[in-house]
Amino acid sequence: MTTLVIAEHDNASIKSATLNTVTAAVACGGDVHVLVAGHNAQAAADAAAKVAGVSKVLLADSAALGHSLAENVAAQVLAIAGDYSHILFPATASGKNVAPRVAAKLDVAQISDIIKVDSPDTFERPIYAGNAIATVQSADKVKVITVRTTGFDAAAATGGSAAVESVAAAADAGKSSFVKAELAKNDRPELTAAKIVVSGGRALGSAEKFQEVMTPLADKLGAAIGASRAAVDAGYAPNDLQVGQTGKIVAPQLYVAAGISGAIQHLAGMKDSKVIVAINKDEEAPIFSVADYGLVADLFTAVPELEKAL
C-alpha cells in the first residue's frame, strides 16, 4: 500500500499545504510518495525530498506543467495512478480543481476535505458547516482524497532523505492555456498559513475604516488580515481575504475577530483556531460562543486601544 501526495509548489519551493497533506498520507499507512509536476522544478523536488515521512519524490518536468493547469496535472496524475492505493491533494483551490478530474477518470468517489484518518479506508470529514462530522468508509481500489490542511499538523520540512526519480511528463492536454497571472504583492503572512489572523466584519462600515482600524493591529502583531463574507460582499475587503465556509479555512494560534457577529458560515472557517478573541458591542453575538476571550465594546474604541497597548 503506497500513498501519492500531489505537491503544491512554485517550481522552486514546496507550499506549506503540502506538508499537512504528507502528515495525512503517513496516517494512511505504507510508503508516501510525492509528485512534483512542474517546469524547471528540480529545486521544488529537492525540497520535497527533505520532508519527513516521504520515501520517494517523483519529478515530472515539462513546459506544459509549468503553470499547474488542472487538465495537464490531472493527466500526469492519471499516468502514474495505477501504482497507488491513495492519492491525496491539499483541499486548496488548486487541489480541488484537479482531484475531481482524477476521481472521475478513475471512476471512483472523491472523499473531500478530510480532517482525520481512522484507518486506510475510513476517514472523517466535516459536514453542515462543521456542525457534524461524517465518517466515510470507501471500498474503492484507489482512494482520491482532498485534505483539509488545518486538520493535520505540518510534517517537518527537514529531516527526510527521499530519492528523487524523474518520470515521463504527460503530453499537453490542449484544453486550456496559461495567459497571465496577476498576483497581489503582500508583505503579510499568507492567510491560510499565518500564526496570527485579525479579521474584520461588516460593522467596520467602509473599506477606509477597515484599513484604518485593522491594519495597525495586524502590523503590530505581524498578522494576516481576514474578513467576514459580509465585509467582502460589502466591498470593504478583497475576496481573497474572506474567511469562512465559502472562503478560506484557517486555524492560527491566535484569531482576533472585530465586528464579526459569528454566522455559521464564518465560524466554519475559523473555529479550530487555538485561541479566539472576539470584540463586538452585541453581547448576544454568536461569535462569543466559540471565543476564548470576549470583549463587549465598540470596536472603533477597543481595537485602537488594544493596538496601543501592545
C-alpha atoms as a PDB file:
ATOM      1  CA  MET A   1       0.000   0.000   0.000  1.00  0.00           C
ATOM      2  CA  THR A   2       1.528   3.285  -1.165  1.00  0.00           C
ATOM      3  CA  THR A   3       0.107   6.798  -0.980  1.00  0.00           C
ATOM      4  CA  LEU A   4       0.749   9.546  -3.519  1.00  0.00           C
ATOM      5  CA  VAL A   5       0.691  13.202  -2.435  1.00  0.00           C
ATOM      6  CA  ILE A   6       0.294  15.820  -5.149  1.00  0.00           C
ATOM      7  CA  ALA A   7       2.616  18.652  -4.157  1.00  0.00           C
ATOM      8  CA  GLU A   8       1.694  22.302  -4.397  1.00  0.00           C
ATOM      9  CA  HIS A   9       4.749  24.338  -5.293  1.00  0.00           C
ATOM     10  CA  ASP A  10       6.044  27.334  -7.223  1.00  0.00           C
ATOM     11  CA  ASN A  11       8.694  25.312  -9.102  1.00  0.00           C
ATOM     12  CA  ALA A  12      11.282  26.472  -6.570  1.00  0.00           C
ATOM     13  CA  SER A  13       9.845  25.508  -3.175  1.00  0.00           C
ATOM     14  CA  ILE A  14       7.082  23.447  -1.614  1.00  0.00           C
ATOM     15  CA  LYS A  15       3.996  25.240  -0.281  1.00  0.00           C
ATOM     16  CA  SER A  16       3.001  24.651   3.322  1.00  0.00           C
ATOM     17  CA  ALA A  17      -0.253  22.890   2.413  1.00  0.00           C
ATOM     18  CA  THR A  18       1.816  20.007   1.059  1.00  0.00           C
ATOM     19  CA  LEU A  19       3.367  19.417   4.480  1.00  0.00           C
ATOM     20  CA  ASN A  20      -0.039  18.984   6.130  1.00  0.00           C
ATOM     21  CA  THR A  21      -1.082  16.618   3.350  1.00  0.00           C
ATOM     22  CA  VAL A  22       2.027  14.495   3.894  1.00  0.00           C
ATOM     23  CA  THR A  23       1.002  14.062   7.547  1.00  0.00           C
ATOM     24  CA  ALA A  24      -2.397  12.766   6.406  1.00  0.00           C
ATOM     25  CA  ALA A  25      -0.673  10.450   3.922  1.00  0.00           C
ATOM     26  CA  VAL A  26       1.545   8.994   6.642  1.00  0.00           C
ATOM     27  CA  ALA A  27      -1.592   8.274   8.682  1.00  0.00           C
ATOM     28  CA  CYS A  28      -2.960   6.213   5.780  1.00  0.00           C
ATOM     29  CA  GLY A  29      -0.079   3.755   6.267  1.00  0.00           C
ATOM     30  CA  GLY A  30       2.553   2.418   3.892  1.00  0.00           C
ATOM     31  CA  ASP A  31       5.078   4.402   1.897  1.00  0.00           C
ATOM     32  CA  VAL A  32       4.480   8.023   0.942  1.00  0.00           C
ATOM     33  CA  HIS A  33       5.484   9.297  -2.488  1.00  0.00           C
ATOM     34  CA  VAL A  34       5.231  12.928  -3.581  1.00  0.00           C
ATOM     35  CA  LEU A  35       4.589  14.031  -7.161  1.00  0.00           C
ATOM     36  CA  VAL A  36       6.156  17.336  -8.165  1.00  0.00           C
ATOM     37  CA  ALA A  37       4.708  18.263 -11.564  1.00  0.00           C
ATOM     38  CA  GLY A  38       6.152  21.484 -12.943  1.00  0.00           C
ATOM     39  CA  HIS A  39       8.723  23.132 -15.173  1.00  0.00           C
ATOM     40  CA  ASN A  40      12.340  23.589 -14.092  1.00  0.00           C
ATOM     41  CA  ALA A  41      11.117  22.273 -10.757  1.00  0.00           C
ATOM     42  CA  GLN A  42      14.206  20.398  -9.570  1.00  0.00           C
ATOM     43  CA  ALA A  43      14.534  22.749  -6.579  1.00  0.00           C
ATOM     44  CA  ALA A  44      10.952  22.002  -5.515  1.00  0.00           C
ATOM     45  CA  ALA A  45      11.587  18.256  -5.885  1.00  0.00           C
ATOM     46  CA  ASP A  46      14.729  18.529  -3.752  1.00  0.00           C
ATOM     47  CA  ALA A  47      12.732  20.389  -1.089  1.00  0.00           C
ATOM     48  CA  ALA A  48      10.054  17.681  -1.141  1.00  0.00           C
ATOM     49  CA  ALA A  49      12.747  15.018  -0.695  1.00  0.00           C
ATOM     50  CA  LYS A  50      13.724  16.585   2.635  1.00  0.00           C
ATOM     51  CA  VAL A  51      10.208  16.381   4.094  1.00  0.00           C
ATOM     52  CA  ALA A  52       9.985  13.917   6.977  1.00  0.00           C
ATOM     53  CA  GLY A  53       7.932  10.817   6.144  1.00  0.00           C
ATOM     54  CA  VAL A  54       8.429  10.949   2.372  1.00  0.00           C
ATOM     55  CA  SER A  55      10.108   7.871   0.872  1.00  0.00           C
ATOM     56  CA  LYS A  56      10.244   8.915  -2.801  1.00  0.00           C
ATOM     57  CA  VAL A  57       9.738  12.035  -4.904  1.00  0.00           C
ATOM     58  CA  LEU A  58       8.566  11.770  -8.499  1.00  0.00           C
ATOM     59  CA  LEU A  59       9.539  14.713 -10.699  1.00  0.00           C
ATOM     60  CA  ALA A  60       7.558  15.315 -13.898  1.00  0.00           C
ATOM     61  CA  ASP A  61       9.147  18.264 -15.660  1.00  0.00           C
ATOM     62  CA  SER A  62       7.807  19.909 -18.800  1.00  0.00           C
ATOM     63  CA  ALA A  63       6.667  23.305 -20.030  1.00  0.00           C
ATOM     64  CA  ALA A  64       3.063  22.042 -20.118  1.00  0.00           C
ATOM     65  CA  LEU A  65       3.158  21.560 -16.344  1.00  0.00           C
ATOM     66  CA  GLY A  66       4.776  24.901 -15.569  1.00  0.00           C
ATOM     67  CA  HIS A  67       1.607  26.722 -14.544  1.00  0.00           C
ATOM     68  CA  SER A  68      -0.227  23.796 -12.905  1.00  0.00           C
ATOM     69  CA  LEU A  69      -3.131  23.815 -15.353  1.00  0.00           C
ATOM     70  CA  ALA A  70      -5.714  21.412 -13.948  1.00  0.00           C
ATOM     71  CA  GLU A  71      -6.138  19.378 -17.135  1.00  0.00           C
ATOM     72  CA  ASN A  72      -2.409  18.779 -17.511  1.00  0.00           C
ATOM     73  CA  VAL A  73      -1.757  17.993 -13.852  1.00  0.00           C
ATOM     74  CA  ALA A  74      -4.712  15.574 -13.829  1.00  0.00           C
ATOM     75  CA  ALA A  75      -3.298  13.807 -16.889  1.00  0.00           C
ATOM     76  CA  GLN A  76       0.063  13.496 -15.130  1.00  0.00           C
ATOM     77  CA  VAL A  77      -1.527  12.029 -12.019  1.00  0.00           C
ATOM     78  CA  LEU A  78      -3.552   9.567 -14.082  1.00  0.00           C
ATOM     79  CA  ALA A  79      -0.401   8.410 -15.882  1.00  0.00           C
ATOM     80  CA  ILE A  80       1.002   7.027 -12.634  1.00  0.00           C
ATOM     81  CA  ALA A  81      -2.182   6.452 -10.597  1.00  0.00           C
ATOM     82  CA  GLY A  82      -2.142   2.663 -11.080  1.00  0.00           C
ATOM     83  CA  ASP A  83       0.715   2.275  -8.620  1.00  0.00           C
ATOM     84  CA  TYR A  84      -1.124   3.795  -5.663  1.00  0.00           C
ATOM     85  CA  SER A  85      -3.854   2.910  -3.176  1.00  0.00           C
ATOM     86  CA  HIS A  86      -4.418   6.531  -2.081  1.00  0.00           C
ATOM     87  CA  ILE A  87      -3.986   9.810  -3.965  1.00  0.00           C
ATOM     88  CA  LEU A  88      -4.059  12.878  -1.717  1.00  0.00           C
ATOM     89  CA  PHE A  89      -4.427  16.541  -2.646  1.00  0.00           C
ATOM     90  CA  PRO A  90      -4.462  19.574  -0.331  1.00  0.00           C
ATOM     91  CA  ALA A  91      -8.018  20.956  -0.172  1.00  0.00           C
ATOM     92  CA  THR A  92      -6.898  24.234  -1.709  1.00  0.00           C
ATOM     93  CA  ALA A  93      -8.170  25.949  -4.854  1.00  0.00           C
ATOM     94  CA  SER A  94      -5.616  24.042  -6.913  1.00  0.00           C
ATOM     95  CA  GLY A  95      -6.194  20.667  -5.263  1.00  0.00           C
ATOM     96  CA  LYS A  96      -9.968  20.982  -5.521  1.00  0.00           C
ATOM     97  CA  ASN A  97      -9.565  21.794  -9.204  1.00  0.00           C
ATOM     98  CA  VAL A  98      -7.552  18.675 -10.039  1.00  0.00           C
ATOM     99  CA  ALA A  99      -8.865  15.987  -7.671  1.00  0.00           C
ATOM    100  CA  PRO A 100     -12.414  15.697  -9.155  1.00  0.00           C
ATOM    101  CA  ARG A 101     -10.957  15.219 -12.641  1.00  0.00           C
ATOM    102  CA  VAL A 102      -8.754  12.402 -11.389  1.00  0.00           C
ATOM    103  CA  ALA A 103     -11.587  10.743  -9.450  1.00  0.00           C
ATOM    104  CA  ALA A 104     -13.935  10.938 -12.441  1.00  0.00           C
ATOM    105  CA  LYS A 105     -11.393   9.391 -14.801  1.00  0.00           C
ATOM    106  CA  LEU A 106     -10.673   6.599 -12.309  1.00  0.00           C
ATOM    107  CA  ASP A 107     -14.436   6.098 -11.803  1.00  0.00           C
ATOM    108  CA  VAL A 108     -14.188   6.376  -8.026  1.00  0.00           C
ATOM    109  CA  ALA A 109     -15.893   8.597  -5.461  1.00  0.00           C
ATOM    110  CA  GLN A 110     -13.820  11.513  -4.235  1.00  0.00           C
ATOM    111  CA  ILE A 111     -13.534  11.822  -0.453  1.00  0.00           C
ATOM    112  CA  SER A 112     -13.441  15.541   0.246  1.00  0.00           C
ATOM    113  CA  ASP A 113     -11.977  17.701   2.973  1.00  0.00           C
ATOM    114  CA  ILE A 114     -10.897  15.009   5.438  1.00  0.00           C
ATOM    115  CA  ILE A 115      -9.787  16.063   8.915  1.00  0.00           C
ATOM    116  CA  LYS A 116      -8.838  12.637  10.299  1.00  0.00           C
ATOM    117  CA  VAL A 117      -7.712   9.209   9.105  1.00  0.00           C
ATOM    118  CA  ASP A 118      -9.337   6.455  11.178  1.00  0.00           C
ATOM    119  CA  SER A 119      -7.927   3.609   9.056  1.00  0.00           C
ATOM    120  CA  PRO A 120      -6.676   3.173   5.484  1.00  0.00           C
ATOM    121  CA  ASP A 121     -10.276   3.015   4.219  1.00  0.00           C
ATOM    122  CA  THR A 122     -12.104   5.168   6.784  1.00  0.00           C
ATOM    123  CA  PHE A 123     -11.933   8.937   7.117  1.00  0.00           C
ATOM    124  CA  GLU A 124     -13.676  11.782   8.939  1.00  0.00           C
ATOM    125  CA  ARG A 125     -14.869  14.988   7.283  1.00  0.00           C
ATOM    126  CA  PRO A 126     -16.978  17.946   8.445  1.00  0.00           C
ATOM    127  CA  ILE A 127     -20.486  18.457   7.081  1.00  0.00           C
ATOM    128  CA  TYR A 128     -23.217  21.042   7.737  1.00  0.00           C
ATOM    129  CA  ALA A 129     -20.668  23.868   8.028  1.00  0.00           C
ATOM    130  CA  GLY A 130     -18.679  21.853  10.536  1.00  0.00           C
ATOM    131  CA  ASN A 131     -21.595  21.240  12.894  1.00  0.00           C
ATOM    132  CA  ALA A 132     -21.385  17.487  12.330  1.00  0.00           C
ATOM    133  CA  ILE A 133     -18.587  15.091  11.448  1.00  0.00           C
ATOM    134  CA  ALA A 134     -19.248  12.341   8.897  1.00  0.00           C
ATOM    135  CA  THR A 135     -17.295   9.094   8.993  1.00  0.00           C
ATOM    136  CA  VAL A 136     -16.789   7.874   5.431  1.00  0.00           C
ATOM    137  CA  GLN A 137     -15.648   4.370   4.508  1.00  0.00           C
ATOM    138  CA  SER A 138     -14.548   3.653   0.953  1.00  0.00           C
ATOM    139  CA  ALA A 139     -14.278   0.310  -0.813  1.00  0.00           C
ATOM    140  CA  ASP A 140     -12.762   1.864  -3.947  1.00  0.00           C
ATOM    141  CA  LYS A 141      -9.489   0.364  -5.087  1.00  0.00           C
ATOM    142  CA  VAL A 142      -7.965   3.850  -5.276  1.00  0.00           C
ATOM    143  CA  LYS A 143      -8.971   6.499  -2.741  1.00  0.00           C
ATOM    144  CA  VAL A 144      -8.886  10.024  -4.186  1.00  0.00           C
ATOM    145  CA  ILE A 145      -8.883  12.404  -1.234  1.00  0.00           C
ATOM    146  CA  THR A 146      -8.638  16.126  -0.533  1.00  0.00           C
ATOM    147  CA  VAL A 147      -7.173  17.047   2.846  1.00  0.00           C
ATOM    148  CA  ARG A 148      -8.299  19.988   4.968  1.00  0.00           C
ATOM    149  CA  THR A 149      -4.879  21.239   5.904  1.00  0.00           C
ATOM    150  CA  THR A 150      -5.989  22.742   9.229  1.00  0.00           C
ATOM    151  CA  GLY A 151      -6.938  19.238  10.380  1.00  0.00           C
ATOM    152  CA  PHE A 152      -3.362  17.941  10.320  1.00  0.00           C
ATOM    153  CA  ASP A 153      -0.098  19.220  11.722  1.00  0.00           C
ATOM    154  CA  ALA A 154       2.545  20.078   9.146  1.00  0.00           C
ATOM    155  CA  ALA A 155       5.209  17.452   8.549  1.00  0.00           C
ATOM    156  CA  ALA A 156       8.761  18.573   9.289  1.00  0.00           C
ATOM    157  CA  ALA A 157      10.232  20.272   6.226  1.00  0.00           C
ATOM    158  CA  THR A 158      13.667  18.851   7.008  1.00  0.00           C
ATOM    159  CA  GLY A 159      14.988  15.532   8.195  1.00  0.00           C
ATOM    160  CA  GLY A 160      13.922  13.384   5.258  1.00  0.00           C
ATOM    161  CA  SER A 161      16.226  11.887   2.649  1.00  0.00           C
ATOM    162  CA  ALA A 162      13.959  10.592  -0.101  1.00  0.00           C
ATOM    163  CA  ALA A 163      15.232   9.729  -3.546  1.00  0.00           C
ATOM    164  CA  VAL A 164      14.160  11.945  -6.458  1.00  0.00           C
ATOM    165  CA  GLU A 165      13.107   9.991  -9.537  1.00  0.00           C
ATOM    166  CA  SER A 166      12.226  11.518 -12.894  1.00  0.00           C
ATOM    167  CA  VAL A 167       9.071  10.269 -14.608  1.00  0.00           C
ATOM    168  CA  ALA A 168       7.848  10.854 -18.128  1.00  0.00           C
ATOM    169  CA  ALA A 169       5.786  14.028 -18.364  1.00  0.00           C
ATOM    170  CA  ALA A 170       2.278  13.710 -19.752  1.00  0.00           C
ATOM    171  CA  ALA A 171       1.574  15.463 -23.031  1.00  0.00           C
ATOM    172  CA  ASP A 172      -0.197  18.813 -23.028  1.00  0.00           C
ATOM    173  CA  ALA A 173      -3.930  18.090 -22.926  1.00  0.00           C
ATOM    174  CA  GLY A 174      -4.525  21.102 -25.175  1.00  0.00           C
ATOM    175  CA  LYS A 175      -7.744  22.011 -23.368  1.00  0.00           C
ATOM    176  CA  SER A 176      -6.537  25.162 -21.666  1.00  0.00           C
ATOM    177  CA  SER A 177      -3.655  27.575 -21.851  1.00  0.00           C
ATOM    178  CA  PHE A 178      -1.942  29.960 -19.483  1.00  0.00           C
ATOM    179  CA  VAL A 179      -2.491  33.614 -20.376  1.00  0.00           C
ATOM    180  CA  LYS A 180      -1.135  35.638 -17.464  1.00  0.00           C
ATOM    181  CA  ALA A 181      -1.038  35.839 -13.699  1.00  0.00           C
ATOM    182  CA  GLU A 182      -1.914  38.941 -11.735  1.00  0.00           C
ATOM    183  CA  LEU A 183      -0.549  38.434  -8.255  1.00  0.00           C
ATOM    184  CA  ALA A 184      -1.222  40.813  -5.408  1.00  0.00           C
ATOM    185  CA  LYS A 185       2.034  41.687  -3.638  1.00  0.00           C
ATOM    186  CA  ASN A 186       1.705  41.493   0.105  1.00  0.00           C
ATOM    187  CA  ASP A 187       4.321  41.609   2.839  1.00  0.00           C
ATOM    188  CA  ARG A 188       1.946  39.924   5.260  1.00  0.00           C
ATOM    189  CA  PRO A 189       1.903  36.180   6.005  1.00  0.00           C
ATOM    190  CA  GLU A 190      -0.329  34.049   3.771  1.00  0.00           C
ATOM    191  CA  LEU A 191      -3.790  33.904   5.336  1.00  0.00           C
ATOM    192  CA  THR A 192      -4.081  30.112   5.485  1.00  0.00           C
ATOM    193  CA  ALA A 193      -0.560  29.679   6.897  1.00  0.00           C
ATOM    194  CA  ALA A 194      -0.395  32.627   9.320  1.00  0.00           C
ATOM    195  CA  LYS A 195       0.034  32.002  13.044  1.00  0.00           C
ATOM    196  CA  ILE A 196      -1.974  35.130  13.866  1.00  0.00           C
ATOM    197  CA  VAL A 197      -5.033  36.381  11.959  1.00  0.00           C
ATOM    198  CA  VAL A 198      -7.045  39.541  12.622  1.00  0.00           C
ATOM    199  CA  SER A 199     -10.407  39.713  10.875  1.00  0.00           C
ATOM    200  CA  GLY A 200     -12.929  42.488  10.442  1.00  0.00           C
ATOM    201  CA  GLY A 201     -16.645  42.364   9.774  1.00  0.00           C
ATOM    202  CA  ARG A 202     -19.411  44.455   8.297  1.00  0.00           C
ATOM    203  CA  ALA A 203     -19.563  46.577  11.442  1.00  0.00           C
ATOM    204  CA  LEU A 204     -16.456  48.430  10.227  1.00  0.00           C
ATOM    205  CA  GLY A 205     -18.745  50.298   7.840  1.00  0.00           C
ATOM    206  CA  SER A 206     -16.439  51.050   4.909  1.00  0.00           C
ATOM    207  CA  ALA A 207     -13.268  49.956   3.128  1.00  0.00           C
ATOM    208  CA  GLU A 208     -11.495  53.033   4.504  1.00  0.00           C
ATOM    209  CA  LYS A 209     -12.421  52.213   8.096  1.00  0.00           C
ATOM    210  CA  PHE A 210     -11.486  48.582   7.541  1.00  0.00           C
ATOM    211  CA  GLN A 211      -7.953  49.620   6.584  1.00  0.00           C
ATOM    212  CA  GLU A 212      -7.763  52.337   9.223  1.00  0.00           C
ATOM    213  CA  VAL A 213      -8.773  50.066  12.121  1.00  0.00           C
ATOM    214  CA  MET A 214      -7.458  46.602  11.164  1.00  0.00           C
ATOM    215  CA  THR A 215      -4.117  47.411   9.505  1.00  0.00           C
ATOM    216  CA  PRO A 216      -2.333  48.931  12.556  1.00  0.00           C
ATOM    217  CA  LEU A 217      -3.344  45.958  14.720  1.00  0.00           C
ATOM    218  CA  ALA A 218      -2.177  43.482  12.092  1.00  0.00           C
ATOM    219  CA  ASP A 219       1.097  45.385  11.707  1.00  0.00           C
ATOM    220  CA  LYS A 220       1.713  45.330  15.455  1.00  0.00           C
ATOM    221  CA  LEU A 221       1.003  41.593  15.714  1.00  0.00           C
ATOM    222  CA  GLY A 222       2.707  40.602  12.449  1.00  0.00           C
ATOM    223  CA  ALA A 223      -0.615  39.069  11.469  1.00  0.00           C
ATOM    224  CA  ALA A 224      -2.502  38.232   8.315  1.00  0.00           C
ATOM    225  CA  ILE A 225      -5.747  40.124   7.708  1.00  0.00           C
ATOM    226  CA  GLY A 226      -9.040  38.317   7.147  1.00  0.00           C
ATOM    227  CA  ALA A 227     -12.635  39.381   6.666  1.00  0.00           C
ATOM    228  CA  SER A 228     -16.133  38.024   7.040  1.00  0.00           C
ATOM    229  CA  ARG A 229     -18.225  37.300   3.964  1.00  0.00           C
ATOM    230  CA  ALA A 230     -20.461  40.242   4.814  1.00  0.00           C
ATOM    231  CA  ALA A 231     -17.459  42.587   4.780  1.00  0.00           C
ATOM    232  CA  VAL A 232     -16.265  41.178   1.470  1.00  0.00           C
ATOM    233  CA  ASP A 233     -19.741  41.380  -0.101  1.00  0.00           C
ATOM    234  CA  ALA A 234     -19.996  44.989   1.027  1.00  0.00           C
ATOM    235  CA  GLY A 235     -16.717  45.788  -0.707  1.00  0.00           C
ATOM    236  CA  TYR A 236     -14.774  46.552   2.469  1.00  0.00           C
ATOM    237  CA  ALA A 237     -12.125  43.899   1.760  1.00  0.00           C
ATOM    238  CA  PRO A 238     -10.983  41.898  -1.285  1.00  0.00           C
ATOM    239  CA  ASN A 239     -12.379  38.421  -1.903  1.00  0.00           C
ATOM    240  CA  ASP A 240      -9.096  36.644  -1.156  1.00  0.00           C
ATOM    241  CA  LEU A 241      -9.322  37.777   2.487  1.00  0.00           C
ATOM    242  CA  GLN A 242     -12.639  36.016   3.120  1.00  0.00           C
ATOM    243  CA  VAL A 243     -12.605  33.532   5.985  1.00  0.00           C
ATOM    244  CA  GLY A 244     -15.440  31.012   6.138  1.00  0.00           C
ATOM    245  CA  GLN A 245     -17.129  28.058   4.539  1.00  0.00           C
ATOM    246  CA  THR A 246     -17.070  29.695   1.104  1.00  0.00           C
ATOM    247  CA  GLY A 247     -13.755  31.427   1.759  1.00  0.00           C
ATOM    248  CA  LYS A 248     -10.559  30.227   3.385  1.00  0.00           C
ATOM    249  CA  ILE A 249     -10.294  27.811   6.291  1.00  0.00           C
ATOM    250  CA  VAL A 250      -7.813  28.991   8.912  1.00  0.00           C
ATOM    251  CA  ALA A 251      -6.579  27.600  12.219  1.00  0.00           C
ATOM    252  CA  PRO A 252      -3.967  30.041  13.549  1.00  0.00           C
ATOM    253  CA  GLN A 253      -2.550  30.173  17.060  1.00  0.00           C
ATOM    254  CA  LEU A 254      -4.490  33.419  17.598  1.00  0.00           C
ATOM    255  CA  TYR A 255      -7.625  34.654  15.792  1.00  0.00           C
ATOM    256  CA  VAL A 256      -8.951  38.142  16.569  1.00  0.00           C
ATOM    257  CA  ALA A 257     -12.474  38.853  15.283  1.00  0.00           C
ATOM    258  CA  ALA A 258     -13.547  42.514  15.350  1.00  0.00           C
ATOM    259  CA  GLY A 259     -17.111  43.452  14.477  1.00  0.00           C
ATOM    260  CA  ILE A 260     -17.961  39.924  13.313  1.00  0.00           C
ATOM    261  CA  SER A 261     -21.274  38.548  14.577  1.00  0.00           C
ATOM    262  CA  GLY A 262     -20.270  34.916  14.033  1.00  0.00           C
ATOM    263  CA  ALA A 263     -22.631  33.486  11.433  1.00  0.00           C
ATOM    264  CA  ILE A 264     -22.330  29.725  10.940  1.00  0.00           C
ATOM    265  CA  GLN A 265     -20.627  30.296   7.593  1.00  0.00           C
ATOM    266  CA  HIS A 266     -17.829  32.276   9.234  1.00  0.00           C
ATOM    267  CA  LEU A 267     -17.449  30.009  12.253  1.00  0.00           C
ATOM    268  CA  ALA A 268     -16.891  27.039   9.939  1.00  0.00           C
ATOM    269  CA  GLY A 269     -13.760  28.741   8.659  1.00  0.00           C
ATOM    270  CA  MET A 270     -12.062  29.677  11.935  1.00  0.00           C
ATOM    271  CA  LYS A 271     -13.435  27.779  14.919  1.00  0.00           C
ATOM    272  CA  ASP A 272     -10.431  25.422  15.003  1.00  0.00           C
ATOM    273  CA  SER A 273      -8.155  28.361  15.872  1.00  0.00           C
ATOM    274  CA  LYS A 274      -6.184  27.711  19.062  1.00  0.00           C
ATOM    275  CA  VAL A 275      -7.185  30.970  20.792  1.00  0.00           C
ATOM    276  CA  ILE A 276     -10.130  33.112  19.616  1.00  0.00           C
ATOM    277  CA  VAL A 277     -10.606  36.708  20.732  1.00  0.00           C
ATOM    278  CA  ALA A 278     -13.909  38.397  19.870  1.00  0.00           C
ATOM    279  CA  ILE A 279     -14.655  42.125  20.021  1.00  0.00           C
ATOM    280  CA  ASN A 280     -18.298  43.041  19.443  1.00  0.00           C
ATOM    281  CA  LYS A 281     -20.695  45.511  21.022  1.00  0.00           C
ATOM    282  CA  ASP A 282     -23.554  42.961  20.834  1.00  0.00           C
ATOM    283  CA  GLU A 283     -23.178  40.702  23.862  1.00  0.00           C
ATOM    284  CA  GLU A 284     -25.554  38.189  22.227  1.00  0.00           C
ATOM    285  CA  ALA A 285     -23.373  37.791  19.123  1.00  0.00           C
ATOM    286  CA  PRO A 286     -22.835  34.095  18.260  1.00  0.00           C
ATOM    287  CA  ILE A 287     -19.066  34.685  17.963  1.00  0.00           C
ATOM    288  CA  PHE A 288     -18.868  34.732  21.748  1.00  0.00           C
ATOM    289  CA  SER A 289     -19.996  31.091  21.867  1.00  0.00           C
ATOM    290  CA  VAL A 290     -16.678  29.965  20.362  1.00  0.00           C
ATOM    291  CA  ALA A 291     -14.432  32.729  21.730  1.00  0.00           C
ATOM    292  CA  ASP A 292     -11.862  32.034  24.416  1.00  0.00           C
ATOM    293  CA  TYR A 293     -11.823  35.735  25.267  1.00  0.00           C
ATOM    294  CA  GLY A 294     -14.682  38.106  24.577  1.00  0.00           C
ATOM    295  CA  LEU A 295     -14.847  41.877  24.857  1.00  0.00           C
ATOM    296  CA  VAL A 296     -18.231  43.611  24.645  1.00  0.00           C
ATOM    297  CA  ALA A 297     -17.190  47.005  23.357  1.00  0.00           C
ATOM    298  CA  ASP A 298     -17.254  49.360  20.397  1.00  0.00           C
ATOM    299  CA  LEU A 299     -14.524  48.097  18.064  1.00  0.00           C
ATOM    300  CA  PHE A 300     -13.675  51.644  16.958  1.00  0.00           C
ATOM    301  CA  THR A 301     -12.563  52.310  20.537  1.00  0.00           C
ATOM    302  CA  ALA A 302     -11.349  48.877  21.611  1.00  0.00           C
ATOM    303  CA  VAL A 303      -9.167  47.942  18.633  1.00  0.00           C
ATOM    304  CA  PRO A 304      -7.065  51.154  18.639  1.00  0.00           C
ATOM    305  CA  GLU A 305      -6.667  50.856  22.418  1.00  0.00           C
ATOM    306  CA  LEU A 306      -5.561  47.257  22.038  1.00  0.00           C
ATOM    307  CA  GLU A 307      -3.077  48.229  19.329  1.00  0.00           C
ATOM    308  CA  LYS A 308      -1.600  50.969  21.531  1.00  0.00           C
ATOM    309  CA  ALA A 309      -1.301  48.618  24.491  1.00  0.00           C
ATOM    310  CA  LEU A 310       0.675  46.014  22.550  1.00  0.00           C
END
